[in-house]
Each structure stands twice: as structure tokens, then as C-alpha cells.
Amino acid sequence: MPDTARFDPDHCPLSRQMHFLLQTIQQLSMVRSLDEVQHLVAHAARELTGCDGATFVLREKNQCYYAEEHSISPLWKGQRFPLEACISGWCMQNGMAVNIPDVFADPRVPHTTYRDTFVKSMVMVPIRTLDPVGAIGNYWAAPHHASAEEVHLLQTLADSVSVVLENVRVYHELEDRVRERTEELESALQQIQHLSITDDLTGLYNRRGFRLLAGQTLCRLQRSREPFLLAYLDVDGLKKTNDQHGHGVGDTLLMDMATVLRDTFRASDIVARLGGDEFCVLAVGTGDDQHQVRQRFEAALERFNLSIQRPYRLACSLGIVPGEHNGRTQTIDEMIAEADKWMYREKTARRGVKMVAGRG
């Protein structure tokens, strides 16, 4: 009994084409961009039928966009035509393949468009027969009547492309959603981080934010040997204001102090409310000494009290210490403790003056 003949795709032209088509469809299944789809399909369409040129056309509302081509000479890549003005438009409007052995004998073909090209014959198939989204065209430089097998191969490719285009669309939609969601999460994280270092009443940094940023800045300043100073202040009369006018007015007093601090110091300085009636500032790169900073701040307080009517007078006790570059590393806690000491001395001295004035 003779051996069963083995199937050899290399000795069957149609089988070779089907094998190539299956490979192309597998490649298309892994494509994730429209440009890749267009490039792969144009090359595959020409290879499938052995034609002299292939084009990939997309429908853009009432126009045909010749997005890609693989051809012996340029055709219409990058150009747009009305649906009614080209055979690809007819193909998409009618949802069926067009086989034209002689382009100059078919009334549907705009002859003037083809006169300066090599095209003598063509086949155009729709990408999706129901509500087509595009078309694939094959062109021949010599008269050619495409066989039913050639049209079938091309239409099978086009049918696969319709699925791939939908997958690409869905893939990009998912990418967009993931990107949007990632941006939302990053924004939310930044907001959470901002809130974690911000005083919700005044909008200044809170104690945590000040320690974090001032500590980092202090290390940099000590390396660069830039001038800096730290101011520590305690607002006068907060408890009295709360008792006499309510905590809402007391909150306004704290916000007013924050406003004066912002006006006195620069955006590059680190200004914070440490809690209660305590505020702190790390002034960076300032050319002023502590006495000049004190005068500028006291002048800002006076301007505020003269310009805005409040049931209180904005005032505070203030301690200022300059940064040192003596080879010893200062910590932010050490500077705060030193400024707090000077602030307390000023507060004690002011109380003593008030007591003497009261006895007089």
C-alpha cells in the first residue's frame, strides 16, 4: 500500500497564500497601534495577490483618507478625497468588494485621478461590510482580472483588520483610562502629602511640614554657607480674644498673623504655624541681620493694625537667631530652642514693663 502523500504548502500556490494570510493575522493580533496596523496590512495585501501596489484607506466621516501604501511608485498616501470622488468611497458606501479589470472602462472610477499613475486594474474591499470603517486596495500596472480566490484572500484580510482596529481602539481607551486614573491617583497622593504638611487654618506649613522642609534646607545651607536666620514668635492675646470674642475671631487673629508673615518674608522662606499661637520662619539667603528683619516685621504689623479694623491689636513676642557657619552642624531643633529662649526673654521683659506701668 503506497504511503499517504504529505501536504507540502510550498507546492500549492493558494496554500502558500493562506499560510501567509494566517501569519499576517497572527501578527496583527499582537499589534497595538494604528500605524503598525496600516503598515503591516499594506505590505501583506500586496504580498497576498502579487499586485504592484496596495493601499490602506480609512473613512473619516465623508472623506477617504489614504493612510498607507506599499507600491512600485507613489499613489495617494496622506491625501483625502470625498467618498463620492473615489472607488474606495464607493466600496465603503456600498459595503462590498469592487473588482475592476480596466480602470478607464469603469464609470465609477475618477479617470483623471488615475491618468498619471501606473494603475490599470484594481480590487477594493471594505474593512467591515456592515458600516465599513475603511478599505484595502490592490492595483496592477498591467491589465489584470483578479480571481475570486484573490478577492476572497483580500476580503479575509480586511475582515481580520476590522477586528484588530476595534481591539486597538479598546486598547487605547484602556490605556487612556489607566493614564487618567494614574494621574488622578498621583494628584490625590500629592494633595494628601500637601495636606499632611499644611496647617488647615492658615495655609502655612504645619509643624511636620516645617521640620521636614526646614531640616532639608538647613543641611543645604550649611553646605553652601549661605546666610540664613530663624524667627520664632508667639502671638499676643489669643486666649483673651477667644474668651471675649469667640474662637472664630481668635482664628481670624491667627490668619491675620499668617498674612503679615507672608508679606514680610519671601516665597523662598519657610513659614509655618507650629501649633496654637506659635509661628516659625526659616529665612533663606537673606542679607539682613536679625535687627533689620525685626524692624521690617514690626513695620508690617503696624501697617496691618492701621489699615484693618479688628477687635484686637495684632502683636507678638519674637525671637530671632542667625545661622552659624562655624564647622558645627546645627539642627533645626537647636535653632528653634535658641530662638524660643530669646522670644521668652522678650515676652518676660514686656510683661515686666506692663507691670511697672500698672503700678505707676
Protein backbone atom coordinates (compact mmCIF):
# COMPACT_ATOMS: atom_id res chain seq x y z
CA MET A 1 0.00 0.00 0.00
CA PRO A 2 1.58 3.34 -1.05
CA ASP A 3 2.48 5.94 1.57
CA THR A 4 -0.04 8.73 2.08
CA ALA A 5 1.15 11.82 0.21
CA ARG A 6 2.36 14.54 2.58
CA PHE A 7 0.88 18.01 2.16
CA ASP A 8 3.55 20.48 1.03
CA PRO A 9 2.39 24.15 1.15
CA ASP A 10 5.37 25.21 -1.00
CA HIS A 11 3.94 23.29 -3.97
CA CYS A 12 0.44 24.75 -3.64
CA PRO A 13 0.23 28.46 -4.59
CA LEU A 14 -3.13 29.04 -2.92
CA SER A 15 -1.95 27.23 0.20
CA ARG A 16 1.14 29.44 0.37
CA GLN A 17 -1.12 32.48 0.27
CA MET A 18 -3.36 31.08 3.00
CA HIS A 19 -0.33 30.26 5.11
CA PHE A 20 0.94 33.84 4.67
CA LEU A 21 -2.51 35.21 5.48
CA LEU A 22 -2.64 33.23 8.72
CA GLN A 23 0.80 34.50 9.70
CA THR A 24 -0.30 38.05 8.97
CA ILE A 25 -3.45 37.65 11.07
CA GLN A 26 -1.33 36.31 13.95
CA GLN A 27 0.99 39.31 13.66
CA LEU A 28 -1.99 41.67 13.60
CA SER A 29 -3.29 40.15 16.82
CA MET A 30 -0.20 41.46 18.60
CA VAL A 31 -0.26 44.97 17.12
CA ARG A 32 -1.22 47.81 19.47
CA SER A 33 -1.08 50.92 17.28
CA LEU A 34 -2.95 52.10 14.19
CA ASP A 35 0.29 52.98 12.39
CA GLU A 36 1.55 49.42 12.83
CA VAL A 37 -1.74 48.03 11.54
CA GLN A 38 -1.67 50.23 8.45
CA HIS A 39 1.95 49.40 7.63
CA LEU A 40 1.54 45.65 8.11
CA VAL A 41 -1.72 45.44 6.15
CA ALA A 42 -0.47 47.43 3.16
CA HIS A 43 2.57 45.16 2.83
CA ALA A 44 0.55 41.99 3.40
CA ALA A 45 -2.15 43.00 0.90
CA ARG A 46 0.43 43.40 -1.85
CA GLU A 47 2.14 40.12 -0.97
CA LEU A 48 -1.14 38.16 -0.97
CA THR A 49 -2.01 38.85 -4.59
CA GLY A 50 1.34 39.76 -6.08
CA CYS A 51 -0.01 43.14 -7.16
CA ASP A 52 2.08 46.23 -7.93
CA GLY A 53 0.60 48.44 -5.28
CA ALA A 54 -1.58 48.24 -2.17
CA THR A 55 -3.22 50.95 -0.10
CA PHE A 56 -4.91 51.19 3.29
CA VAL A 57 -7.81 53.64 3.36
CA LEU A 58 -9.67 54.92 6.44
CA ARG A 59 -13.09 56.51 6.46
CA GLU A 60 -13.15 59.93 8.13
CA LYS A 61 -16.79 60.99 8.14
CA ASN A 62 -17.47 61.91 4.49
CA GLN A 63 -13.90 61.51 3.31
CA CYS A 64 -11.48 58.75 2.36
CA TYR A 65 -8.06 59.09 3.95
CA TYR A 66 -5.29 57.17 2.15
CA ALA A 67 -3.33 56.40 5.29
CA GLU A 68 -0.70 53.94 3.99
CA GLU A 69 0.53 52.40 0.76
CA HIS A 70 3.10 49.88 -0.46
CA SER A 71 3.67 50.41 -4.14
CA ILE A 72 6.12 50.46 -7.06
CA SER A 73 5.57 54.24 -7.26
CA PRO A 74 3.71 56.80 -5.11
CA LEU A 75 -0.06 56.87 -5.27
CA TRP A 76 -2.13 58.92 -2.82
CA LYS A 77 -0.66 58.35 0.63
CA GLY A 78 -1.66 61.14 3.03
CA GLN A 79 -4.36 62.53 0.74
CA ARG A 80 -8.08 62.83 1.39
CA PHE A 81 -10.91 62.62 -1.13
CA PRO A 82 -14.71 62.86 -0.80
CA LEU A 83 -16.42 59.47 -0.58
CA GLU A 84 -18.18 60.16 -3.87
CA ALA A 85 -14.91 61.01 -5.65
CA CYS A 86 -13.02 57.70 -5.36
CA ILE A 87 -13.63 53.99 -5.73
CA SER A 88 -12.69 53.31 -2.11
CA GLY A 89 -15.57 55.59 -1.12
CA TRP A 90 -17.95 53.63 -3.34
CA CYS A 91 -16.69 50.42 -1.74
CA MET A 92 -17.32 51.76 1.76
CA GLN A 93 -20.69 53.29 0.95
CA ASN A 94 -21.95 50.04 -0.57
CA GLY A 95 -20.17 47.66 1.79
CA MET A 96 -18.96 45.36 -0.98
CA ALA A 97 -15.81 44.46 -2.90
CA VAL A 98 -15.08 46.02 -6.29
CA ASN A 99 -13.14 44.13 -8.99
CA ILE A 100 -12.17 46.38 -11.91
CA PRO A 101 -10.06 44.83 -14.72
CA ASP A 102 -9.84 48.17 -16.60
CA VAL A 103 -9.96 51.36 -14.53
CA PHE A 104 -10.57 53.51 -17.62
CA ALA A 105 -13.59 51.46 -18.69
CA ASP A 106 -15.44 51.71 -15.37
CA PRO A 107 -17.62 54.83 -14.89
CA ARG A 108 -17.23 54.66 -11.10
CA VAL A 109 -13.52 55.40 -11.36
CA PRO A 110 -12.37 59.07 -11.45
CA HIS A 111 -10.22 58.70 -14.56
CA THR A 112 -8.34 61.99 -14.14
CA THR A 113 -7.07 60.82 -10.75
CA TYR A 114 -5.65 57.63 -12.24
CA ARG A 115 -4.31 59.05 -15.53
CA ASP A 116 -0.88 59.94 -14.13
CA THR A 117 -0.45 56.67 -12.20
CA PHE A 118 0.66 53.19 -13.19
CA VAL A 119 -2.72 51.71 -12.28
CA LYS A 120 -4.53 49.70 -14.99
CA SER A 121 -6.58 47.29 -12.86
CA MET A 122 -7.70 47.17 -9.25
CA VAL A 123 -9.57 45.41 -6.50
CA MET A 124 -11.00 47.29 -3.49
CA VAL A 125 -12.53 45.52 -0.49
CA PRO A 126 -14.28 47.10 2.53
CA ILE A 127 -12.97 46.80 6.06
CA ARG A 128 -16.17 45.51 7.62
CA THR A 129 -19.12 45.04 5.29
CA LEU A 130 -21.61 46.44 7.81
CA ASP A 131 -20.92 50.16 8.25
CA PRO A 132 -17.36 49.96 6.82
CA VAL A 133 -14.60 51.90 8.56
CA GLY A 134 -12.09 51.67 5.73
CA ALA A 135 -10.96 49.78 2.65
CA ILE A 136 -7.96 47.88 1.28
CA GLY A 137 -7.00 48.33 -2.36
CA ASN A 138 -4.78 46.34 -4.73
CA TYR A 139 -3.50 47.79 -8.01
CA TRP A 140 -1.85 46.28 -11.07
CA ALA A 141 0.34 48.01 -13.63
CA ALA A 142 -0.84 45.65 -16.38
CA PRO A 143 -4.42 44.62 -17.16
CA HIS A 144 -5.45 42.02 -14.60
CA HIS A 145 -8.76 40.39 -13.77
CA ALA A 146 -8.46 39.38 -10.13
CA SER A 147 -9.61 35.86 -9.44
CA ALA A 148 -12.31 35.02 -6.93
CA GLU A 149 -9.58 33.50 -4.73
CA GLU A 150 -7.58 36.74 -4.75
CA VAL A 151 -10.64 38.79 -3.83
CA HIS A 152 -11.51 36.27 -1.11
CA LEU A 153 -7.98 36.45 0.36
CA LEU A 154 -8.07 40.23 0.38
CA GLN A 155 -11.54 40.32 1.93
CA THR A 156 -10.48 37.82 4.60
CA LEU A 157 -7.58 40.10 5.48
CA ALA A 158 -9.93 43.09 5.62
CA ASP A 159 -12.35 41.22 7.88
CA SER A 160 -9.49 40.45 10.26
CA VAL A 161 -8.39 44.08 10.19
CA SER A 162 -11.83 45.23 11.33
CA VAL A 163 -11.44 43.15 14.50
CA VAL A 164 -7.88 44.40 15.02
CA LEU A 165 -8.94 48.05 14.64
CA GLU A 166 -11.59 47.55 17.29
CA ASN A 167 -9.03 45.89 19.57
CA VAL A 168 -6.61 48.78 19.03
CA ARG A 169 -9.38 51.26 19.83
CA VAL A 170 -10.30 49.40 23.02
CA TYR A 171 -6.62 49.03 23.95
CA HIS A 172 -6.04 52.77 23.60
CA GLU A 173 -9.22 53.54 25.54
CA LEU A 174 -7.97 51.31 28.34
CA GLU A 175 -4.56 52.97 28.16
CA ASP A 176 -6.22 56.38 28.38
CA ARG A 177 -8.32 55.26 31.34
CA VAL A 178 -5.29 53.81 33.11
CA ARG A 179 -3.32 57.01 32.43
CA GLU A 180 -6.19 59.19 33.65
CA ARG A 181 -6.62 57.01 36.74
CA THR A 182 -2.88 57.12 37.41
CA GLU A 183 -2.89 60.91 37.09
CA GLU A 184 -5.88 61.11 39.45
CA LEU A 185 -4.13 58.89 41.99
CA GLU A 186 -0.90 60.88 41.70
CA SER A 187 -2.85 64.10 42.14
CA ALA A 188 -4.67 62.66 45.15
CA LEU A 189 -1.38 61.50 46.63
CA GLN A 190 0.17 64.94 46.13
CA GLN A 191 -2.88 66.50 47.76
CA ILE A 192 -2.66 64.11 50.71
CA GLN A 193 1.05 64.84 51.06
CA HIS A 194 0.35 68.57 50.87
CA LEU A 195 -2.39 68.32 53.49
CA SER A 196 -0.14 66.31 55.76
CA ILE A 197 2.37 69.17 55.94
CA THR A 198 -0.08 72.11 55.81
CA ASP A 199 -1.88 73.93 58.60
CA ASP A 200 -5.55 73.84 57.57
CA LEU A 201 -6.40 77.18 59.23
CA THR A 202 -3.66 79.46 57.89
CA GLY A 203 -2.44 77.55 54.84
CA LEU A 204 1.13 77.77 56.15
CA TYR A 205 3.26 74.71 56.78
CA ASN A 206 2.41 72.84 59.97
CA ARG A 207 4.94 71.54 62.49
CA ARG A 208 5.57 68.37 60.49
CA GLY A 209 6.00 70.29 57.25
CA PHE A 210 8.35 72.80 58.84
CA ARG A 211 10.57 70.15 60.40
CA LEU A 212 10.72 68.23 57.12
CA LEU A 213 11.46 71.15 54.79
CA ALA A 214 13.48 73.28 57.17
CA GLY A 215 15.63 70.31 58.16
CA GLN A 216 16.44 69.56 54.50
CA THR A 217 17.05 73.23 53.73
CA LEU A 218 19.30 73.67 56.75
CA CYS A 219 21.60 70.88 55.57
CA ARG A 220 21.87 72.52 52.15
CA LEU A 221 22.53 75.97 53.64
CA GLN A 222 25.28 74.70 55.87
CA ARG A 223 27.00 73.07 52.88
CA SER A 224 26.66 76.16 50.67
CA ARG A 225 27.41 78.55 53.57
CA GLU A 226 24.53 80.80 52.52
CA PRO A 227 23.29 83.26 55.16
CA PHE A 228 20.06 82.35 56.98
CA LEU A 229 18.20 83.01 60.18
CA LEU A 230 15.33 81.54 62.15
CA ALA A 231 12.50 83.56 63.68
CA TYR A 232 10.21 82.15 66.36
CA LEU A 233 7.18 84.10 67.56
CA ASP A 234 4.29 83.76 69.96
CA VAL A 235 1.09 85.72 69.20
CA ASP A 236 -0.12 88.02 71.97
CA GLY A 237 -3.66 87.90 73.28
CA LEU A 238 -5.05 84.78 71.61
CA LYS A 239 -6.65 83.39 74.80
CA LYS A 240 -8.11 86.79 75.67
CA THR A 241 -9.53 87.17 72.17
CA ASN A 242 -11.07 83.70 72.30
CA ASP A 243 -12.60 84.39 75.74
CA GLN A 244 -14.01 87.83 74.86
CA HIS A 245 -14.98 87.41 71.19
CA GLY A 246 -15.14 83.69 70.50
CA HIS A 247 -12.87 81.23 68.77
CA GLY A 248 -13.95 82.41 65.31
CA VAL A 249 -12.37 85.79 65.96
CA GLY A 250 -9.38 84.04 67.51
CA ASP A 251 -8.98 82.07 64.25
CA THR A 252 -9.09 85.36 62.33
CA LEU A 253 -6.29 86.69 64.54
CA LEU A 254 -4.12 83.70 63.63
CA MET A 255 -4.89 84.08 59.93
CA ASP A 256 -4.02 87.77 60.13
CA MET A 257 -0.66 86.91 61.64
CA ALA A 258 -0.08 84.43 58.82
CA THR A 259 -0.85 87.18 56.30
CA VAL A 260 1.67 89.56 57.88
CA LEU A 261 4.32 86.83 57.88
CA ARG A 262 3.73 86.13 54.19
CA ASP A 263 4.02 89.85 53.43
CA THR A 264 7.21 90.20 55.45
CA PHE A 265 9.10 87.17 54.20
CA ARG A 266 9.77 85.85 50.71
CA ALA A 267 8.18 82.92 48.91
CA SER A 268 11.50 81.05 49.19
CA ASP A 269 11.40 81.30 53.00
CA ILE A 270 9.74 78.54 55.01
CA VAL A 271 6.90 79.96 57.09
CA ALA A 272 4.94 77.73 59.46
CA ARG A 273 2.40 77.67 62.24
CA LEU A 274 3.79 75.16 64.71
CA GLY A 275 0.54 74.97 66.65
CA GLY A 276 -1.65 77.14 68.85
CA ASP A 277 -0.26 80.70 68.75
CA GLU A 278 3.31 79.71 67.78
CA PHE A 279 4.82 80.54 64.38
CA CYS A 280 8.27 79.92 62.95
CA VAL A 281 10.21 81.12 59.87
CA LEU A 282 13.43 79.91 58.29
CA ALA A 283 14.60 82.85 56.16
CA VAL A 284 16.99 81.75 53.42
CA GLY A 285 19.74 83.75 51.72
CA THR A 286 18.75 86.99 53.42
CA GLY A 287 21.23 89.85 53.51
CA ASP A 288 19.51 91.40 56.54
CA ASP A 289 20.59 90.74 60.11
CA GLN A 290 18.13 89.89 62.87
CA HIS A 291 17.65 93.54 63.82
CA GLN A 292 16.69 94.54 60.27
CA VAL A 293 14.30 91.59 59.99
CA ARG A 294 12.70 92.56 63.31
CA GLN A 295 12.23 96.16 62.16
CA ARG A 296 10.68 95.03 58.85
CA PHE A 297 8.32 92.66 60.63
CA GLU A 298 7.27 95.19 63.27
CA ALA A 299 6.62 97.75 60.50
CA ALA A 300 4.40 95.22 58.72
CA LEU A 301 2.46 94.64 61.94
CA GLU A 302 1.96 98.37 62.40
CA ARG A 303 0.74 98.82 58.81
CA PHE A 304 -1.74 96.00 59.29
CA ASN A 305 -3.12 97.41 62.55
CA LEU A 306 -3.55 100.85 60.98
CA SER A 307 -5.19 99.62 57.79
CA ILE A 308 -7.63 96.99 59.12
CA GLN A 309 -10.10 97.39 61.95
CA ARG A 310 -10.18 94.39 64.30
CA PRO A 311 -11.42 93.92 67.90
CA TYR A 312 -7.79 93.21 68.79
CA ARG A 313 -4.36 94.65 68.07
CA LEU A 314 -2.04 92.26 66.26
CA ALA A 315 1.16 91.81 68.28
CA CYS A 316 3.63 89.12 69.27
CA SER A 317 6.83 88.26 71.10
CA LEU A 318 9.65 87.49 68.69
CA GLY A 319 12.99 85.68 68.96
CA ILE A 320 15.46 85.63 66.06
CA VAL A 321 18.73 83.72 65.79
CA PRO A 322 21.19 83.89 62.87
CA GLY A 323 22.59 80.81 61.21
CA GLU A 324 26.15 79.86 62.06
CA HIS A 325 28.89 78.54 59.79
CA ASN A 326 31.49 77.59 62.35
CA GLY A 327 32.05 74.00 61.32
CA ARG A 328 29.47 72.64 63.75
CA THR A 329 26.27 71.28 62.26
CA GLN A 330 23.20 72.93 63.71
CA THR A 331 19.89 71.09 63.88
CA ILE A 332 16.55 72.73 63.37
CA ASP A 333 15.54 71.76 66.91
CA GLU A 334 18.58 73.54 68.33
CA MET A 335 17.78 76.70 66.40
CA ILE A 336 14.12 76.61 67.47
CA ALA A 337 15.14 76.15 71.10
CA GLU A 338 17.56 79.10 70.90
CA ALA A 339 15.00 81.37 69.19
CA ASP A 340 12.32 80.29 71.68
CA LYS A 341 14.64 81.32 74.51
CA TRP A 342 15.07 84.83 73.04
CA MET A 343 11.35 85.05 72.37
CA TYR A 344 10.57 84.16 76.01
CA ARG A 345 13.03 86.79 77.27
CA GLU A 346 11.25 89.42 75.18
CA LYS A 347 7.84 88.28 76.43
CA THR A 348 9.04 88.41 80.06
CA ALA A 349 10.55 91.85 79.56
CA ARG A 350 7.31 93.15 78.01
CA ARG A 351 5.27 91.77 80.92
CA GLY A 352 7.64 93.42 83.34
CA VAL A 353 7.20 96.79 81.60
CA LYS A 354 3.41 96.39 81.77
CA MET A 355 3.54 95.55 85.49
CA VAL A 356 5.71 98.59 86.27
CA ALA A 357 3.45 100.81 84.21
CA GLY A 358 0.41 99.44 86.09
CA ARG A 359 1.93 100.21 89.50
CA GLY A 360 2.82 103.70 88.38
